[in-house]
């Protein structure tokens, strides 16, 4: 009535996938953590540490290619997707602070959804850096950071984002509003100082 060989094969495939999935989750959690640490280093203006951390994440992702070839479904696992998204955010932030540009990531294969989510999250990091620079009195940099947030949101608005990405986009719009408030506060304070 039942084919024992079929069930034995299914069990073997299932167990292999689950073992690979658990390993991927562990590796992804490490990559996610290092990407977050890189972002934190960038907020401390420690580019060297951020670069080192991002290189580690890139090596981790490169090592996952074998696992994806064996089980292509692994690349859609939530832990990996979260780690990839965080890496995109960190890498774009790192490169923007170095070059003043939002660059294409060539070190790791990145799909459109991860790019769009990472770009949306990048606006939050740029907003935090904007507030930091305003506090330090580095007003010219505030303007550059604000313009980058404005440009990213201006590009994202061209997409018909839905679901998760729509939520990310809405957060990016809130970041733009916060940046504009910072610029407004600077302008008002500058006028008050001139008036005194």
Protein backbone atom coordinates (compact mmCIF):
# COMPACT_ATOMS: atom_id res chain seq x y z
CA UNK A 1 0.00 0.00 0.00
CA UNK A 2 2.76 2.52 0.91
CA UNK A 3 6.12 2.81 -0.78
CA UNK A 4 8.75 2.71 2.00
CA UNK A 5 11.50 3.87 -0.38
CA UNK A 6 9.52 7.00 -1.21
CA UNK A 7 9.11 7.91 2.46
CA UNK A 8 12.76 7.13 3.19
CA UNK A 9 13.83 9.44 0.33
CA UNK A 10 11.45 12.20 1.46
CA UNK A 11 12.72 11.93 5.06
CA UNK A 12 16.34 12.11 3.88
CA UNK A 13 15.63 15.19 1.71
CA UNK A 14 13.65 16.88 4.46
CA UNK A 15 16.33 16.25 7.10
CA UNK A 16 19.07 17.53 4.78
CA UNK A 17 17.11 20.69 4.02
CA UNK A 18 16.34 21.33 7.69
CA UNK A 19 19.99 20.86 8.67
CA UNK A 20 21.05 23.30 5.92
CA UNK A 21 18.31 25.71 7.01
CA UNK A 22 19.44 25.68 10.64
CA UNK A 23 23.03 26.29 9.56
CA UNK A 24 21.89 29.13 7.30
CA UNK A 25 19.96 30.75 10.16
CA UNK A 26 23.06 30.70 12.37
CA UNK A 27 25.27 32.18 9.66
CA UNK A 28 22.61 34.74 8.74
CA UNK A 29 22.25 35.87 12.34
CA UNK A 30 26.01 36.47 12.48
CA UNK A 31 25.91 38.43 9.20
CA UNK A 32 22.96 40.48 10.45
CA UNK A 33 24.78 41.29 13.68
CA UNK A 34 27.97 42.32 11.89
CA UNK A 35 26.01 44.54 9.51
CA UNK A 36 24.35 46.26 12.47
CA UNK A 37 27.75 46.68 14.12
CA UNK A 38 29.08 48.24 10.90
CA UNK A 39 26.23 50.77 10.92
CA UNK A 40 26.95 51.59 14.55
CA UNK A 41 30.65 52.03 13.71
CA UNK A 42 29.71 54.45 10.92
CA UNK A 43 27.70 56.53 13.37
CA UNK A 44 30.87 56.71 15.49
CA UNK A 45 32.77 57.78 12.33
CA UNK A 46 34.84 54.58 12.50
CA UNK A 47 35.04 53.76 8.79
CA UNK A 48 37.89 51.32 9.29
CA UNK A 49 35.96 49.07 11.67
CA UNK A 50 32.84 49.31 9.50
CA UNK A 51 34.83 48.26 6.42
CA UNK A 52 36.32 45.31 8.26
CA UNK A 53 32.91 44.16 9.47
CA UNK A 54 31.37 44.47 6.01
CA UNK A 55 34.19 42.45 4.45
CA UNK A 56 33.43 39.71 6.97
CA UNK A 57 29.77 39.73 5.98
CA UNK A 58 30.74 39.56 2.30
CA UNK A 59 32.93 36.51 2.96
CA UNK A 60 30.03 34.92 4.83
CA UNK A 61 27.63 35.50 1.95
CA UNK A 62 30.16 34.19 -0.58
CA UNK A 63 30.35 30.97 1.44
CA UNK A 64 26.60 30.50 1.15
CA UNK A 65 26.65 30.06 -2.62
CA UNK A 66 27.29 26.29 -2.28
CA UNK A 67 24.32 25.89 0.03
CA UNK A 68 22.09 27.75 -2.42
CA UNK A 69 23.18 25.53 -5.29
CA UNK A 70 22.20 22.44 -3.32
CA UNK A 71 18.94 23.93 -1.98
CA UNK A 72 17.84 26.99 -3.93
CA UNK A 73 14.89 27.46 -1.58
CA UNK A 74 17.32 28.51 1.16
CA UNK A 75 17.83 31.92 -0.38
CA UNK A 76 14.20 32.73 0.47
CA UNK A 77 14.54 31.87 4.17
CA UNK A 78 13.57 34.76 6.43
CA UNK A 79 16.81 34.91 8.41
CA UNK A 80 18.88 35.13 5.24
CA UNK A 81 16.58 37.76 3.71
CA UNK A 82 16.83 39.88 6.88
CA UNK A 83 20.62 39.58 6.90
CA UNK A 84 20.88 40.49 3.22
CA UNK A 85 18.63 43.52 3.70
CA UNK A 86 20.68 44.71 6.69
CA UNK A 87 23.88 44.22 4.71
CA UNK A 88 22.50 46.30 1.81
CA UNK A 89 21.60 49.08 4.24
CA UNK A 90 25.05 48.98 5.87
CA UNK A 91 26.97 48.76 2.59
CA UNK A 92 25.02 51.61 0.99
CA UNK A 93 25.54 53.75 4.11
CA UNK A 94 29.26 52.95 4.15
CA UNK A 95 29.71 53.78 0.48
CA UNK A 96 27.60 56.94 0.71
CA UNK A 97 29.67 58.30 3.58
CA UNK A 98 32.85 57.52 1.64
CA UNK A 99 31.80 58.75 -1.81
CA UNK A 100 28.68 60.87 -1.38
CA UNK A 101 26.86 58.54 -3.79
CA UNK A 102 24.40 55.67 -3.61
CA UNK A 103 26.34 52.99 -5.47
CA UNK A 104 25.52 49.62 -6.97
CA UNK A 105 26.54 46.71 -4.77
CA UNK A 106 28.73 44.30 -6.71
CA UNK A 107 30.28 42.32 -3.85
CA UNK A 108 27.18 40.23 -3.14
CA UNK A 109 24.26 39.27 -5.39
CA UNK A 110 21.29 41.41 -4.31
CA UNK A 111 17.74 41.09 -5.65
CA UNK A 112 15.44 44.08 -6.23
CA UNK A 113 13.37 43.57 -3.06
CA UNK A 114 16.47 43.58 -0.84
CA UNK A 115 17.80 46.67 -2.64
CA UNK A 116 14.53 48.55 -2.23
CA UNK A 117 14.19 47.62 1.44
CA UNK A 118 17.85 48.50 2.08
CA UNK A 119 17.47 51.84 0.30
CA UNK A 120 14.40 52.65 2.36
CA UNK A 121 16.26 51.80 5.56
CA UNK A 122 19.27 53.80 4.39
CA UNK A 123 17.15 56.93 4.70
CA UNK A 124 16.87 56.25 8.43
CA UNK A 125 20.65 56.02 8.84
CA UNK A 126 21.16 59.17 6.78
CA UNK A 127 18.57 60.94 8.95
CA UNK A 128 20.36 59.90 12.14
CA UNK A 129 23.67 61.05 10.67
CA UNK A 130 21.97 64.32 9.69
CA UNK A 131 20.89 64.94 13.28
CA UNK A 132 24.38 64.03 14.49
CA UNK A 133 26.00 66.47 12.05
CA UNK A 134 23.53 69.23 13.01
CA UNK A 135 24.43 68.71 16.66
CA UNK A 136 28.11 68.99 15.73
CA UNK A 137 27.45 72.20 13.80
CA UNK A 138 28.46 70.64 10.48
CA UNK A 139 25.64 72.33 8.59
CA UNK A 140 26.98 71.81 5.06
CA UNK A 141 26.95 68.03 5.62
CA UNK A 142 23.41 68.25 6.98
CA UNK A 143 22.30 69.70 3.66
CA UNK A 144 24.08 66.97 1.68
CA UNK A 145 22.58 64.21 3.80
CA UNK A 146 19.11 65.75 3.55
CA UNK A 147 19.44 65.99 -0.23
CA UNK A 148 20.35 62.29 -0.38
CA UNK A 149 17.25 61.34 1.63
CA UNK A 150 15.12 63.53 -0.63
CA UNK A 151 16.63 61.95 -3.77
CA UNK A 152 16.11 58.38 -2.53
CA UNK A 153 12.48 59.02 -1.61
CA UNK A 154 12.03 60.76 -4.96
CA UNK A 155 13.17 57.60 -6.74
CA UNK A 156 11.22 55.21 -4.51
CA UNK A 157 7.99 57.09 -5.18
CA UNK A 158 8.25 55.93 -8.82
CA UNK A 159 7.69 52.32 -7.74
CA UNK A 160 4.27 50.90 -7.00
CA UNK A 161 5.42 49.33 -3.76
CA UNK A 162 3.05 47.07 -1.87
CA UNK A 163 3.09 44.98 1.29
CA UNK A 164 6.34 44.94 3.22
CA UNK A 165 8.09 47.28 0.79
CA UNK A 166 5.25 49.80 1.07
CA UNK A 167 5.79 49.87 4.82
CA UNK A 168 9.50 50.46 4.24
CA UNK A 169 8.71 53.27 1.79
CA UNK A 170 6.34 54.90 4.29
CA UNK A 171 9.16 54.84 6.85
CA UNK A 172 11.46 56.49 4.29
CA UNK A 173 8.88 59.26 3.80
CA UNK A 174 8.79 59.78 7.59
CA UNK A 175 12.58 60.04 7.56
CA UNK A 176 12.36 62.71 4.87
CA UNK A 177 9.90 64.63 7.03
CA UNK A 178 12.30 64.43 10.00
CA UNK A 179 15.21 65.66 7.87
CA UNK A 180 13.12 68.58 6.64
CA UNK A 181 12.31 69.43 10.27
CA UNK A 182 16.04 69.47 11.06
CA UNK A 183 16.66 71.82 8.11
CA UNK A 184 13.78 74.04 9.24
CA UNK A 185 15.13 74.21 12.80
CA UNK A 186 18.58 75.15 11.49
CA UNK A 187 17.10 77.90 9.33
CA UNK A 188 15.02 79.31 12.20
CA UNK A 189 17.99 79.27 14.60
CA UNK A 190 20.22 80.89 12.00
CA UNK A 191 17.66 83.70 11.55
CA UNK A 192 17.40 84.15 15.33
CA UNK A 193 21.18 84.40 15.68
CA UNK A 194 21.34 87.00 12.89
CA UNK A 195 18.49 88.95 14.48
CA UNK A 196 20.26 89.09 17.86
